[in-house]
Protein backbone atom coordinates (compact mmCIF):
# COMPACT_ATOMS: atom_id res chain seq x y z
CA MET A 1 -17.65 -10.41 2.42
CA LYS A 2 -19.36 -7.96 4.61
CA GLY A 3 -16.79 -5.57 5.37
CA LEU A 4 -14.81 -2.84 3.67
CA PHE A 5 -11.35 -3.23 2.35
CA VAL A 6 -9.38 -0.12 1.74
CA SER A 7 -5.86 -0.04 0.65
CA PHE A 8 -3.51 3.00 0.94
CA GLU A 9 -1.10 3.34 -1.91
CA GLY A 10 2.00 6.02 -2.77
CA GLY A 11 5.48 6.23 -3.24
CA ASP A 12 8.09 6.40 -0.62
CA GLY A 13 7.71 9.45 1.58
CA ALA A 14 3.98 10.22 0.59
CA GLY A 15 2.90 9.88 4.25
CA LYS A 16 0.09 7.24 3.69
CA SER A 17 1.12 5.13 6.61
CA SER A 18 0.70 8.27 9.14
CA ILE A 19 -2.66 9.09 7.52
CA LEU A 20 -3.82 5.58 7.73
CA HIS A 21 -3.29 5.41 11.49
CA GLU A 22 -4.97 8.70 12.14
CA ILE A 23 -8.11 7.77 10.06
CA ALA A 24 -8.09 4.26 11.93
CA LYS A 25 -8.18 6.21 15.32
CA ASP A 26 -10.97 8.39 14.02
CA LEU A 27 -13.03 5.61 12.73
CA GLU A 28 -12.81 3.60 15.90
CA ASN A 29 -13.89 6.67 17.94
CA GLN A 30 -16.85 6.92 15.60
CA GLY A 31 -17.70 2.97 16.63
CA TYR A 32 -16.35 1.47 13.43
CA PRO A 33 -14.84 -2.07 14.02
CA VAL A 34 -11.38 -1.17 12.29
CA VAL A 35 -8.15 -3.37 11.32
CA ALA A 36 -5.14 -1.26 10.48
CA THR A 37 -2.63 -3.39 8.89
CA ARG A 38 0.35 -3.44 6.36
CA GLU A 39 2.20 -5.13 3.47
CA PRO A 40 4.26 -6.93 3.50
CA GLY A 41 3.52 -7.89 7.14
CA GLY A 42 0.59 -7.67 9.42
CA ILE A 43 0.89 -11.36 10.67
CA HIS A 44 4.01 -13.17 11.75
CA ILE A 45 4.74 -15.09 8.65
CA ALA A 46 4.44 -12.11 6.42
CA GLU A 47 6.45 -9.90 8.85
CA GLU A 48 9.29 -12.55 8.43
CA ILE A 49 9.13 -12.29 4.65
CA ARG A 50 9.05 -8.41 5.01
CA HIS A 51 12.54 -8.46 6.75
CA ILE A 52 13.87 -10.71 4.04
CA ILE A 53 12.54 -8.23 1.35
CA LEU A 54 13.54 -5.04 3.01
CA ASP A 55 16.80 -5.79 4.68
CA PRO A 56 19.30 -3.28 3.18
CA ALA A 57 22.04 -6.23 3.11
CA HIS A 58 20.10 -8.04 0.46
CA THR A 59 21.04 -5.99 -2.30
CA GLU A 60 21.66 -9.35 -4.45
CA MET A 61 17.89 -10.19 -4.40
CA ASP A 62 16.68 -10.78 -7.95
CA GLY A 63 13.52 -8.81 -9.14
CA ARG A 64 11.53 -12.02 -9.74
CA THR A 65 12.32 -13.50 -6.29
CA GLU A 66 11.20 -10.02 -4.64
CA ALA A 67 7.91 -10.16 -6.42
CA LEU A 68 7.24 -13.75 -5.52
CA LEU A 69 8.26 -12.89 -1.84
CA TYR A 70 5.64 -9.95 -1.93
CA ALA A 71 2.91 -12.18 -3.44
CA ALA A 72 3.55 -15.13 -0.87
CA ALA A 73 3.49 -12.50 2.09
CA ARG A 74 0.16 -11.06 0.47
CA ARG A 75 -1.54 -14.51 0.28
CA GLN A 76 -0.90 -15.51 4.09
CA HIS A 77 -1.77 -11.95 5.36
CA LEU A 78 -5.09 -12.25 3.29
CA VAL A 79 -6.12 -15.70 4.67
CA GLU A 80 -5.00 -15.10 8.21
CA LYS A 81 -6.04 -11.53 8.82
CA VAL A 82 -7.71 -9.60 6.03
CA MET A 83 -10.35 -12.04 4.81
CA PRO A 84 -11.51 -13.14 8.32
CA ALA A 85 -11.96 -9.52 9.38
CA LEU A 86 -13.97 -8.54 6.04
CA ASP A 87 -16.14 -11.66 6.98
CA GLU A 88 -16.79 -10.30 10.42
CA GLY A 89 -17.82 -6.93 8.74
CA LYS A 90 -14.88 -4.87 9.82
CA VAL A 91 -13.16 -1.92 7.87
CA VAL A 92 -9.73 -3.03 6.81
CA LEU A 93 -7.31 -0.22 6.22
CA CYS A 94 -4.12 -1.86 4.52
CA ASP A 95 -0.97 0.00 4.05
CA ARG A 96 -0.19 -1.03 0.39
CA PHE A 97 -1.54 -3.89 -1.48
CA ILE A 98 -1.45 -5.30 -5.10
CA ASP A 99 -0.89 -1.98 -6.67
CA SER A 100 2.53 -1.64 -5.00
CA SER A 101 3.65 -4.89 -6.74
CA LEU A 102 2.64 -3.63 -10.05
CA ALA A 103 4.24 -0.32 -9.68
CA TYR A 104 7.51 -1.31 -7.81
CA GLN A 105 8.25 -4.71 -9.36
CA GLY A 106 6.05 -4.68 -12.53
CA HIS A 107 7.15 -1.27 -13.73
CA ALA A 108 10.28 -0.16 -11.84
CA ARG A 109 12.00 -3.45 -11.96
CA GLY A 110 10.93 -3.91 -15.61
CA LEU A 111 9.31 -7.36 -15.08
CA GLY A 112 6.14 -6.02 -16.56
CA MET A 113 2.87 -5.04 -14.96
CA ASP A 114 0.78 -7.66 -16.49
CA GLU A 115 3.26 -10.36 -15.60
CA VAL A 116 3.42 -9.39 -11.84
CA PHE A 117 -0.39 -8.92 -11.89
CA LYS A 118 -0.74 -12.72 -12.95
CA VAL A 119 1.32 -13.80 -10.11
CA ASN A 120 -0.62 -11.83 -7.50
CA GLN A 121 -4.00 -12.90 -9.11
CA PHE A 122 -2.84 -16.36 -8.11
CA ALA A 123 -2.21 -15.00 -4.53
CA VAL A 124 -5.23 -12.86 -4.03
CA ASP A 125 -7.80 -14.78 -5.97
CA THR A 126 -10.69 -12.37 -6.21
CA CYS A 127 -10.07 -10.39 -3.17
CA MET A 128 -9.31 -6.83 -4.12
CA PRO A 129 -9.77 -3.49 -2.29
CA ASP A 130 -13.30 -1.80 -2.51
CA VAL A 131 -11.21 1.52 -2.72
CA THR A 132 -7.65 2.61 -2.96
CA LEU A 133 -6.49 5.93 -1.85
CA LEU A 134 -3.40 6.98 -3.81
CA PHE A 135 -1.26 9.66 -2.20
CA ASP A 136 0.32 11.41 -5.11
CA ILE A 137 3.57 13.06 -4.45
CA LYS A 138 6.56 13.68 -6.80
CA PRO A 139 9.41 11.37 -5.97
CA GLU A 140 11.92 13.97 -5.30
CA GLU A 141 9.79 15.48 -2.53
CA GLY A 142 8.97 12.16 -1.14
CA LEU A 143 12.73 11.27 -1.00
CA ASN A 144 13.49 14.72 0.76
CA ARG A 145 10.92 13.87 3.27
CA ILE A 146 12.54 10.55 4.11
CA ALA A 147 16.07 11.84 4.39
CA ALA A 148 14.56 14.41 6.87
CA ASN A 149 12.87 11.92 9.00
CA SER A 150 15.56 10.32 11.08
CA GLY A 151 13.04 8.12 12.87
CA ARG A 152 11.88 6.35 9.82
CA GLU A 153 12.50 2.91 8.91
CA LYS A 154 15.07 2.80 6.23
CA ASN A 155 14.74 -0.10 3.97
CA ARG A 156 16.32 -1.60 0.79
CA LEU A 157 14.04 0.26 -1.41
CA ASP A 158 15.12 3.53 -0.04
CA LEU A 159 18.56 2.79 -1.38
CA GLU A 160 17.24 2.88 -5.12
CA ALA A 161 18.12 5.76 -7.33
CA LEU A 162 15.66 8.50 -8.17
CA ASP A 163 14.96 7.03 -11.59
CA PHE A 164 13.58 3.87 -9.90
CA HIS A 165 11.19 6.00 -7.77
CA LYS A 166 10.26 8.04 -10.88
CA LYS A 167 9.35 4.86 -12.53
CA VAL A 168 7.18 4.00 -9.58
CA TYR A 169 5.34 7.36 -9.85
CA GLU A 170 4.66 6.77 -13.54
CA ALA A 171 3.14 3.60 -12.71
CA TYR A 172 0.88 4.74 -10.08
CA GLN A 173 -0.32 7.46 -12.52
CA ALA A 174 -1.28 4.74 -15.12
CA LEU A 175 -2.84 2.54 -12.63
CA ALA A 176 -4.95 5.35 -11.41
CA LYS A 177 -6.13 6.24 -14.99
CA GLU A 178 -6.86 2.61 -15.89
CA ASN A 179 -8.65 1.91 -12.54
CA ALA A 180 -10.64 5.38 -11.91
CA GLU A 181 -13.38 3.78 -10.18
CA ARG A 182 -11.33 2.13 -7.67
CA ILE A 183 -8.19 4.34 -7.44
CA LYS A 184 -8.72 7.70 -6.06
CA SER A 185 -5.77 10.17 -5.99
CA ILE A 186 -5.22 12.67 -3.28
CA ARG A 187 -2.58 15.36 -3.38
CA ALA A 188 0.01 14.48 -0.71
CA ASP A 189 2.26 17.61 -1.17
CA ARG A 190 0.21 19.72 1.05
CA SER A 191 -0.07 19.88 5.14
CA PHE A 192 -0.69 16.65 7.08
CA ALA A 193 -4.26 18.06 8.11
CA GLU A 194 -5.17 18.99 4.55
CA VAL A 195 -4.44 15.62 3.26
CA LYS A 196 -6.00 13.59 6.18
CA THR A 197 -9.27 15.58 5.56
CA GLU A 198 -9.33 14.89 1.89
CA ALA A 199 -8.49 11.21 2.51
CA TYR A 200 -11.45 10.87 5.07
CA GLU A 201 -13.70 12.74 2.59
CA VAL A 202 -12.94 10.39 -0.26
CA LEU A 203 -13.50 7.53 2.16
CA LEU A 204 -16.72 8.49 3.64
CA PRO A 205 -19.09 7.60 1.09
CA TYR A 206 -17.93 3.92 1.17
CA LEU A 207 -18.15 3.49 4.90
CA PRO A 208 -21.14 1.17 6.04
CA HIS A 209 -23.90 2.85 7.74
CA GLN A 210 -23.95 2.96 11.47
């Protein structure tokens, strides 16, 4: 594939979605062909699955069901949107990808990161991000940000206890250590401008020459 695949990761309230959209606008202004998307979602089928997964009313959902739904949404999103864009040489900025499943379902849900990776390996085949930006923020601060943001979409995962989000954080730290060549950590407990500047600087060497 000729394009660049970048995933944005981090715990809830890390600010990755806002940073992604600002970087997308900057890259577009510089003439890069950019596709900004999200998981689960990005296309109709995956957005429908997103609603099922994140609906706060679905508290009875089993952890394995959750993991399988994420993988299904991921596969459809890849084949319908991400891979065609990469084939066309575009820069794909994706809000969450496989690392989220490993952190949330694999570790925080206790399903096992290896087990969840196997499910997702079937879904993604060999399509992995060229680089992953991990927005590192302690779960307590991330949740405080969510509580203070009345306009943010509240979903089923926001209802989880602090211990759940601490496990998500632990998983991301482990993933960053194990995948240091791909995952680049960015301190997200600073001002928006500072975080965005560092994220762009980390991304810059990976961008194709204009």
